[in-house]
């Protein structure tokens, strides 16, 4: 599963698809990651900023804890539990 608890909240494994014509997300069972489409390019961290903006709007305090230069990232959602994050994503 791409969502797991940690001492500070919940971690989500994602894979970004930059330069997309659409924005959105969908769980990918094969890679066990949440695929996140964004229209922003990876240039100068624009895709990362946009993803953090979207996740923060949905969940509150978020940060990328690994994969800042990769398409595969782990995001920390602070102060939330797994059940709450799963419910929101559905």
C-alpha atoms as a PDB file:
ATOM      1  CA  UNK A   1       0.000   0.000   0.000  1.00  0.00           C
ATOM      2  CA  UNK A   2       1.213   3.511  -0.706  1.00  0.00           C
ATOM      3  CA  UNK A   3      -0.048   4.945   2.598  1.00  0.00           C
ATOM      4  CA  UNK A   4       1.601   4.103   5.908  1.00  0.00           C
ATOM      5  CA  UNK A   5       1.702   5.579   9.399  1.00  0.00           C
ATOM      6  CA  UNK A   6       4.763   7.189  10.969  1.00  0.00           C
ATOM      7  CA  UNK A   7       5.394   8.995  14.243  1.00  0.00           C
ATOM      8  CA  UNK A   8       4.661  12.443  12.747  1.00  0.00           C
ATOM      9  CA  UNK A   9       1.594  11.492  10.698  1.00  0.00           C
ATOM     10  CA  UNK A  10       1.209   9.583   7.438  1.00  0.00           C
ATOM     11  CA  UNK A  11       3.586   8.940   4.546  1.00  0.00           C
ATOM     12  CA  UNK A  12       2.339   8.531   0.980  1.00  0.00           C
ATOM     13  CA  UNK A  13       4.437   7.120  -1.855  1.00  0.00           C
ATOM     14  CA  UNK A  14       3.635   8.961  -5.059  1.00  0.00           C
ATOM     15  CA  UNK A  15       4.815   9.053  -8.645  1.00  0.00           C
ATOM     16  CA  UNK A  16       4.380  12.339 -10.450  1.00  0.00           C
ATOM     17  CA  UNK A  17       3.575  12.711 -14.110  1.00  0.00           C
ATOM     18  CA  UNK A  18       4.582  16.297 -14.992  1.00  0.00           C
ATOM     19  CA  UNK A  19       3.522  18.291 -18.077  1.00  0.00           C
ATOM     20  CA  UNK A  20       0.145  16.549 -18.165  1.00  0.00           C
ATOM     21  CA  UNK A  21      -2.896  17.927 -19.896  1.00  0.00           C
ATOM     22  CA  UNK A  22      -4.939  17.093 -16.814  1.00  0.00           C
ATOM     23  CA  UNK A  23      -4.419  17.304 -13.065  1.00  0.00           C
ATOM     24  CA  UNK A  24      -5.473  14.465 -10.813  1.00  0.00           C
ATOM     25  CA  UNK A  25      -4.442  11.293  -9.050  1.00  0.00           C
ATOM     26  CA  UNK A  26      -5.127   7.560  -9.071  1.00  0.00           C
ATOM     27  CA  UNK A  27      -3.738   4.594  -7.148  1.00  0.00           C
ATOM     28  CA  UNK A  28      -1.548   2.316  -9.281  1.00  0.00           C
ATOM     29  CA  UNK A  29      -1.677  -1.254  -7.921  1.00  0.00           C
ATOM     30  CA  UNK A  30       1.319  -2.417  -9.956  1.00  0.00           C
ATOM     31  CA  UNK A  31       3.757   0.176  -8.598  1.00  0.00           C
ATOM     32  CA  UNK A  32       1.904   0.552  -5.274  1.00  0.00           C
ATOM     33  CA  UNK A  33       2.114   4.333  -5.604  1.00  0.00           C
ATOM     34  CA  UNK A  34      -0.379   7.122  -5.918  1.00  0.00           C
ATOM     35  CA  UNK A  35       0.107   8.496  -9.437  1.00  0.00           C
ATOM     36  CA  UNK A  36      -0.253  12.284  -9.484  1.00  0.00           C
ATOM     37  CA  UNK A  37      -0.682  14.195 -12.734  1.00  0.00           C
ATOM     38  CA  UNK A  38       0.258  17.865 -12.870  1.00  0.00           C
ATOM     39  CA  UNK A  39       0.355  20.351 -15.711  1.00  0.00           C
ATOM     40  CA  UNK A  40       3.498  21.950 -14.252  1.00  0.00           C
ATOM     41  CA  UNK A  41       6.957  21.005 -15.570  1.00  0.00           C
ATOM     42  CA  UNK A  42       9.757  19.673 -13.387  1.00  0.00           C
ATOM     43  CA  UNK A  43      11.849  22.726 -14.290  1.00  0.00           C
ATOM     44  CA  UNK A  44      12.983  24.695 -11.199  1.00  0.00           C
ATOM     45  CA  UNK A  45      10.860  22.525  -8.890  1.00  0.00           C
ATOM     46  CA  UNK A  46       7.543  23.767 -10.286  1.00  0.00           C
ATOM     47  CA  UNK A  47       5.926  20.306 -10.243  1.00  0.00           C
ATOM     48  CA  UNK A  48       7.026  19.734  -6.629  1.00  0.00           C
ATOM     49  CA  UNK A  49       5.638  23.107  -5.567  1.00  0.00           C
ATOM     50  CA  UNK A  50       2.326  22.433  -7.290  1.00  0.00           C
ATOM     51  CA  UNK A  51       1.974  18.974  -5.745  1.00  0.00           C
ATOM     52  CA  UNK A  52       2.755  20.290  -2.262  1.00  0.00           C
ATOM     53  CA  UNK A  53       0.253  23.104  -2.793  1.00  0.00           C
ATOM     54  CA  UNK A  54      -2.481  20.622  -3.758  1.00  0.00           C
ATOM     55  CA  UNK A  55      -1.715  18.146  -0.966  1.00  0.00           C
ATOM     56  CA  UNK A  56      -1.511  20.966   1.604  1.00  0.00           C
ATOM     57  CA  UNK A  57      -4.878  22.292   0.475  1.00  0.00           C
ATOM     58  CA  UNK A  58      -6.426  18.843   0.976  1.00  0.00           C
ATOM     59  CA  UNK A  59      -4.568  17.617   4.075  1.00  0.00           C
ATOM     60  CA  UNK A  60      -2.908  20.587   5.755  1.00  0.00           C
ATOM     61  CA  UNK A  61       0.788  20.527   6.676  1.00  0.00           C
ATOM     62  CA  UNK A  62       2.743  18.431   4.090  1.00  0.00           C
ATOM     63  CA  UNK A  63       6.329  18.083   2.937  1.00  0.00           C
ATOM     64  CA  UNK A  64       8.349  15.973   0.495  1.00  0.00           C
ATOM     65  CA  UNK A  65      10.656  13.825   2.607  1.00  0.00           C
ATOM     66  CA  UNK A  66      12.348  11.872  -0.175  1.00  0.00           C
ATOM     67  CA  UNK A  67      12.674  11.981  -3.951  1.00  0.00           C
ATOM     68  CA  UNK A  68      12.787  15.747  -4.472  1.00  0.00           C
ATOM     69  CA  UNK A  69      14.693  15.241  -7.738  1.00  0.00           C
ATOM     70  CA  UNK A  70      12.874  12.060  -8.747  1.00  0.00           C
ATOM     71  CA  UNK A  71       9.424  11.342 -10.110  1.00  0.00           C
ATOM     72  CA  UNK A  72       8.993   8.836  -7.274  1.00  0.00           C
ATOM     73  CA  UNK A  73       8.539  10.707  -4.016  1.00  0.00           C
ATOM     74  CA  UNK A  74       7.398  10.218  -0.451  1.00  0.00           C
ATOM     75  CA  UNK A  75       5.195  12.890   1.059  1.00  0.00           C
ATOM     76  CA  UNK A  76       4.693  13.321   4.795  1.00  0.00           C
ATOM     77  CA  UNK A  77       1.267  14.502   5.907  1.00  0.00           C
ATOM     78  CA  UNK A  78       1.703  15.770   9.439  1.00  0.00           C
ATOM     79  CA  UNK A  79      -0.870  15.241  12.159  1.00  0.00           C
ATOM     80  CA  UNK A  80      -3.159  12.860  10.269  1.00  0.00           C
ATOM     81  CA  UNK A  81      -3.921   9.142  10.623  1.00  0.00           C
ATOM     82  CA  UNK A  82      -4.044   6.527   7.854  1.00  0.00           C
ATOM     83  CA  UNK A  83      -7.824   6.064   8.032  1.00  0.00           C
ATOM     84  CA  UNK A  84      -8.402   9.785   7.691  1.00  0.00           C
ATOM     85  CA  UNK A  85      -6.056  10.098   4.666  1.00  0.00           C
ATOM     86  CA  UNK A  86      -7.607   7.064   2.934  1.00  0.00           C
ATOM     87  CA  UNK A  87     -11.102   8.446   3.493  1.00  0.00           C
ATOM     88  CA  UNK A  88     -10.143  11.829   2.021  1.00  0.00           C
ATOM     89  CA  UNK A  89      -8.458  10.264  -1.018  1.00  0.00           C
ATOM     90  CA  UNK A  90     -11.532   8.182  -1.829  1.00  0.00           C
END
